[in-house]
Amino acid sequence: MKIKDSVVLVTGANRGIGLAFARELLARGARKVYAAARDPATVTLPGVQALKLDVTKPEDVAAAAALASDVTLVVNNAGIAQPGGFLAADSEALARRMFETNFFGVLHMSKAFAPVLKSNGGGALLNVLSIASWINGGELAAYSASKSAAWSLTNALRNELAPQKTQVLGLHMGYVDTDLTRGFEVPKASPEDIVKRALDGLEAGHDEVLA
């Protein structure tokens, strides 16, 4: 998958890793970048096309697929995280909330855009995952479980979409310096470095990138 002249949709593109993706895609010569966010007014990056999209709402996803029918790459970046263990009083409600965005949101987007990608030659899905897909220490229990499920979804989609020549890449990373990790006093990578590694891997034809 080559970035130059591609048409890309990035979910959660108004800040953090999503914003870094949008910037780097433009820098690498993407022909068009749809920057999706729940509130498109929060998308302020010059050169992108703001798009209203809440990945937990099927009607938003369907509308996005109808509008962005020229897409050749979907970056499933939108995600949420909240500390808490499975034995906490609110763990079930928290887990449902995490899964709605981090798993079902990716599933909604993948199902809606698979036909779009097929009609445009195959293209690619890039799913933003985490090392929490493999390691669950209990501090981010529901988040880790949702990312494990999203990793499994990514692996299944890679096989299901192979006949239509859609590349599916899983991006696994540690802590990144964004709003989502502001309260964690740990070493963090920069969003820009993570995104460059991800797009390098995509262009090299990899299935996974470990950043």
Protein backbone atom coordinates (compact mmCIF):
# COMPACT_ATOMS: atom_id res chain seq x y z
CA MET A 1 0.00 0.00 0.00
CA LYS A 2 1.50 3.32 -1.09
CA ILE A 3 0.52 6.54 0.69
CA LYS A 4 1.21 8.91 -2.20
CA ASP A 5 -2.05 9.73 -4.02
CA SER A 6 -4.09 7.60 -1.61
CA VAL A 7 -7.43 8.69 -0.13
CA VAL A 8 -7.48 8.13 3.61
CA LEU A 9 -10.04 8.26 6.41
CA VAL A 10 -8.66 8.60 9.95
CA THR A 11 -11.01 8.15 12.91
CA GLY A 12 -10.38 10.25 16.00
CA ALA A 13 -8.31 12.61 13.86
CA ASN A 14 -8.82 15.79 15.88
CA ARG A 15 -6.03 15.13 18.40
CA GLY A 16 -3.31 12.77 19.58
CA ILE A 17 -2.26 9.89 17.36
CA GLY A 18 -5.11 10.53 14.92
CA LEU A 19 -3.95 14.09 14.34
CA ALA A 20 -0.36 12.87 13.89
CA PHE A 21 -1.61 10.37 11.30
CA ALA A 22 -3.43 13.10 9.39
CA ARG A 23 -0.34 15.35 9.36
CA GLU A 24 2.02 12.59 8.23
CA LEU A 25 -0.36 11.34 5.55
CA LEU A 26 -0.51 14.82 4.03
CA ALA A 27 3.28 15.09 4.24
CA ARG A 28 3.63 11.78 2.37
CA GLY A 29 1.44 12.94 -0.48
CA ALA A 30 -2.00 11.52 0.27
CA ARG A 31 -4.41 12.99 -2.27
CA LYS A 32 -7.19 13.46 0.31
CA VAL A 33 -7.47 12.92 4.06
CA TYR A 34 -10.85 12.68 5.74
CA ALA A 35 -10.31 13.69 9.37
CA ALA A 36 -13.17 12.14 11.32
CA ALA A 37 -14.27 13.23 14.78
CA ARG A 38 -17.47 13.25 16.83
CA ASP A 39 -17.44 17.02 16.56
CA PRO A 40 -15.97 18.06 13.18
CA ALA A 41 -15.53 21.60 14.49
CA THR A 42 -12.61 20.27 16.57
CA VAL A 43 -10.71 19.36 13.38
CA THR A 44 -8.49 22.37 12.68
CA LEU A 45 -5.63 20.91 10.61
CA PRO A 46 -5.35 22.70 7.24
CA GLY A 47 -5.64 20.50 4.17
CA VAL A 48 -7.96 17.81 5.53
CA GLN A 49 -11.69 17.31 5.05
CA ALA A 50 -13.47 17.24 8.41
CA LEU A 51 -16.05 14.49 8.78
CA LYS A 52 -18.62 13.93 11.54
CA LEU A 53 -18.23 10.40 12.86
CA ASP A 54 -18.94 8.61 16.12
CA VAL A 55 -17.78 5.04 15.52
CA THR A 56 -20.25 3.72 18.11
CA LYS A 57 -23.19 4.95 16.03
CA PRO A 58 -23.97 2.72 13.02
CA GLU A 59 -25.84 5.56 11.31
CA ASP A 60 -22.74 7.78 11.49
CA VAL A 61 -20.57 4.99 10.08
CA ALA A 62 -22.99 4.30 7.22
CA ALA A 63 -23.14 8.01 6.36
CA ALA A 64 -19.34 8.24 6.39
CA ALA A 65 -19.01 5.24 4.05
CA ALA A 66 -21.53 6.79 1.65
CA LEU A 67 -19.79 10.17 1.69
CA ALA A 68 -16.20 8.90 1.55
CA SER A 69 -16.73 6.41 -1.26
CA ASP A 70 -13.27 7.14 -2.72
CA VAL A 71 -11.32 5.89 0.30
CA THR A 72 -8.38 3.52 -0.23
CA LEU A 73 -7.06 3.43 3.36
CA VAL A 74 -8.97 3.44 6.65
CA VAL A 75 -7.05 4.16 9.86
CA ASN A 76 -9.12 2.85 12.76
CA ASN A 77 -7.58 5.06 15.42
CA ALA A 78 -10.51 6.20 17.60
CA GLY A 79 -10.26 4.68 21.06
CA ILE A 80 -10.90 5.30 24.72
CA ALA A 81 -9.19 4.20 27.93
CA GLN A 82 -9.98 4.43 31.63
CA PRO A 83 -8.15 2.92 34.61
CA GLY A 84 -9.84 0.25 36.69
CA GLY A 85 -9.75 -3.44 37.53
CA PHE A 86 -12.33 -6.12 36.83
CA LEU A 87 -13.28 -6.40 40.51
CA ALA A 88 -14.23 -2.72 40.77
CA ALA A 89 -17.92 -1.96 41.28
CA ASP A 90 -18.27 -0.30 37.88
CA SER A 91 -16.21 -2.80 35.89
CA GLU A 92 -19.08 -4.18 33.80
CA ALA A 93 -20.29 -0.76 32.71
CA LEU A 94 -16.70 0.29 32.01
CA ALA A 95 -16.01 -2.84 29.97
CA ARG A 96 -19.12 -2.32 27.85
CA ARG A 97 -18.06 1.28 27.19
CA MET A 98 -14.53 0.23 26.19
CA PHE A 99 -15.77 -2.50 23.89
CA GLU A 100 -18.31 -0.25 22.17
CA THR A 101 -15.55 2.03 20.93
CA ASN A 102 -12.39 -0.09 20.86
CA PHE A 103 -13.90 -3.28 19.41
CA PHE A 104 -17.36 -2.69 17.98
CA GLY A 105 -16.32 0.69 16.56
CA VAL A 106 -13.56 -1.02 14.57
CA LEU A 107 -16.00 -3.74 13.51
CA HIS A 108 -18.59 -1.19 12.33
CA MET A 109 -15.98 0.68 10.32
CA SER A 110 -14.46 -2.45 8.81
CA LYS A 111 -17.80 -3.85 7.66
CA ALA A 112 -18.93 -0.53 6.21
CA PHE A 113 -15.69 0.24 4.38
CA ALA A 114 -14.73 -3.25 3.16
CA PRO A 115 -16.95 -2.85 0.05
CA VAL A 116 -15.57 0.68 -0.50
CA LEU A 117 -11.99 -0.58 -0.38
CA LYS A 118 -12.85 -3.45 -2.72
CA SER A 119 -14.39 -1.10 -5.27
CA ASN A 120 -11.24 1.05 -5.14
CA GLY A 121 -8.80 -1.78 -5.79
CA GLY A 122 -8.36 -3.33 -2.34
CA GLY A 123 -6.54 -0.70 -0.31
CA ALA A 124 -5.85 -1.22 3.38
CA LEU A 125 -7.11 -1.13 6.94
CA LEU A 126 -4.73 0.06 9.66
CA ASN A 127 -5.97 -0.77 13.16
CA VAL A 128 -4.40 1.05 16.10
CA LEU A 129 -3.88 -1.52 18.85
CA SER A 130 -1.59 -1.68 21.90
CA ILE A 131 0.86 -3.85 23.81
CA ALA A 132 -2.10 -4.03 26.21
CA SER A 133 -3.48 -6.50 23.65
CA TRP A 134 -1.01 -9.00 25.14
CA ILE A 135 -0.40 -7.78 28.70
CA ASN A 136 -3.11 -7.11 31.26
CA GLY A 137 -1.81 -6.09 34.66
CA GLY A 138 -5.25 -5.11 35.95
CA GLU A 139 -4.68 -1.35 36.00
CA LEU A 140 -6.42 -0.93 32.62
CA ALA A 141 -8.31 -4.21 32.70
CA ALA A 142 -11.26 -3.41 30.43
CA TYR A 143 -9.12 -1.42 28.01
CA SER A 144 -6.66 -4.30 27.69
CA ALA A 145 -9.47 -6.79 27.11
CA SER A 146 -10.99 -4.58 24.42
CA LYS A 147 -7.64 -4.25 22.65
CA SER A 148 -7.12 -8.02 22.82
CA ALA A 149 -10.48 -8.43 21.13
CA ALA A 150 -9.55 -5.80 18.53
CA TRP A 151 -6.31 -7.67 17.82
CA SER A 152 -8.25 -10.88 17.26
CA LEU A 153 -10.66 -8.97 15.02
CA THR A 154 -7.71 -7.58 13.05
CA ASN A 155 -6.27 -11.06 12.49
CA ALA A 156 -9.63 -12.39 11.32
CA LEU A 157 -10.20 -9.45 8.97
CA ARG A 158 -6.77 -10.00 7.41
CA ASN A 159 -7.88 -13.47 6.33
CA GLU A 160 -11.42 -12.49 5.36
CA LEU A 161 -10.27 -9.53 3.24
CA ALA A 162 -7.32 -11.24 1.56
CA PRO A 163 -9.40 -12.38 -1.45
CA GLN A 164 -10.23 -8.74 -2.27
CA LYS A 165 -6.55 -7.77 -1.85
CA THR A 166 -7.11 -5.52 1.17
CA GLN A 167 -4.03 -5.23 3.37
CA VAL A 168 -4.78 -5.32 7.12
CA LEU A 169 -2.14 -4.00 9.51
CA GLY A 170 -2.20 -4.10 13.31
CA LEU A 171 -0.21 -1.36 15.08
CA HIS A 172 0.96 -2.38 18.56
CA MET A 173 2.54 0.29 20.74
CA GLY A 174 3.38 1.16 24.32
CA TYR A 175 2.55 4.42 26.06
CA VAL A 176 2.36 7.42 23.73
CA ASP A 177 2.44 11.07 24.80
CA THR A 178 -1.20 12.06 24.18
CA ASP A 179 -4.17 13.35 26.19
CA LEU A 180 -5.22 9.74 26.75
CA THR A 181 -2.06 8.98 28.79
CA ARG A 182 -1.65 12.37 30.48
CA GLY A 183 -2.08 10.94 34.00
CA PHE A 184 0.48 8.15 33.61
CA GLU A 185 3.99 8.86 34.91
CA VAL A 186 5.81 6.45 32.57
CA PRO A 187 8.17 6.75 29.60
CA LYS A 188 6.21 7.66 26.46
CA ALA A 189 6.89 7.69 22.74
CA SER A 190 5.93 10.62 20.56
CA PRO A 191 2.83 10.28 18.35
CA GLU A 192 4.91 11.37 15.35
CA ASP A 193 7.42 8.54 15.79
CA ILE A 194 4.68 5.94 16.21
CA VAL A 195 2.86 7.13 13.09
CA LYS A 196 6.01 7.13 10.95
CA ARG A 197 6.77 3.55 11.98
CA ALA A 198 3.18 2.53 11.25
CA LEU A 199 3.11 4.06 7.77
CA ASP A 200 6.57 2.71 6.94
CA GLY A 201 5.29 -0.76 7.84
CA LEU A 202 2.15 -0.30 5.79
CA GLU A 203 4.12 0.73 2.73
CA ALA A 204 6.48 -2.22 3.23
CA GLY A 205 3.50 -4.61 3.17
CA HIS A 206 3.73 -5.76 6.80
CA ASP A 207 0.86 -7.37 8.72
CA GLU A 208 1.94 -5.92 12.07
CA VAL A 209 4.10 -3.09 13.37
CA LEU A 210 5.58 -3.16 16.85
CA ALA A 211 6.33 0.37 18.01
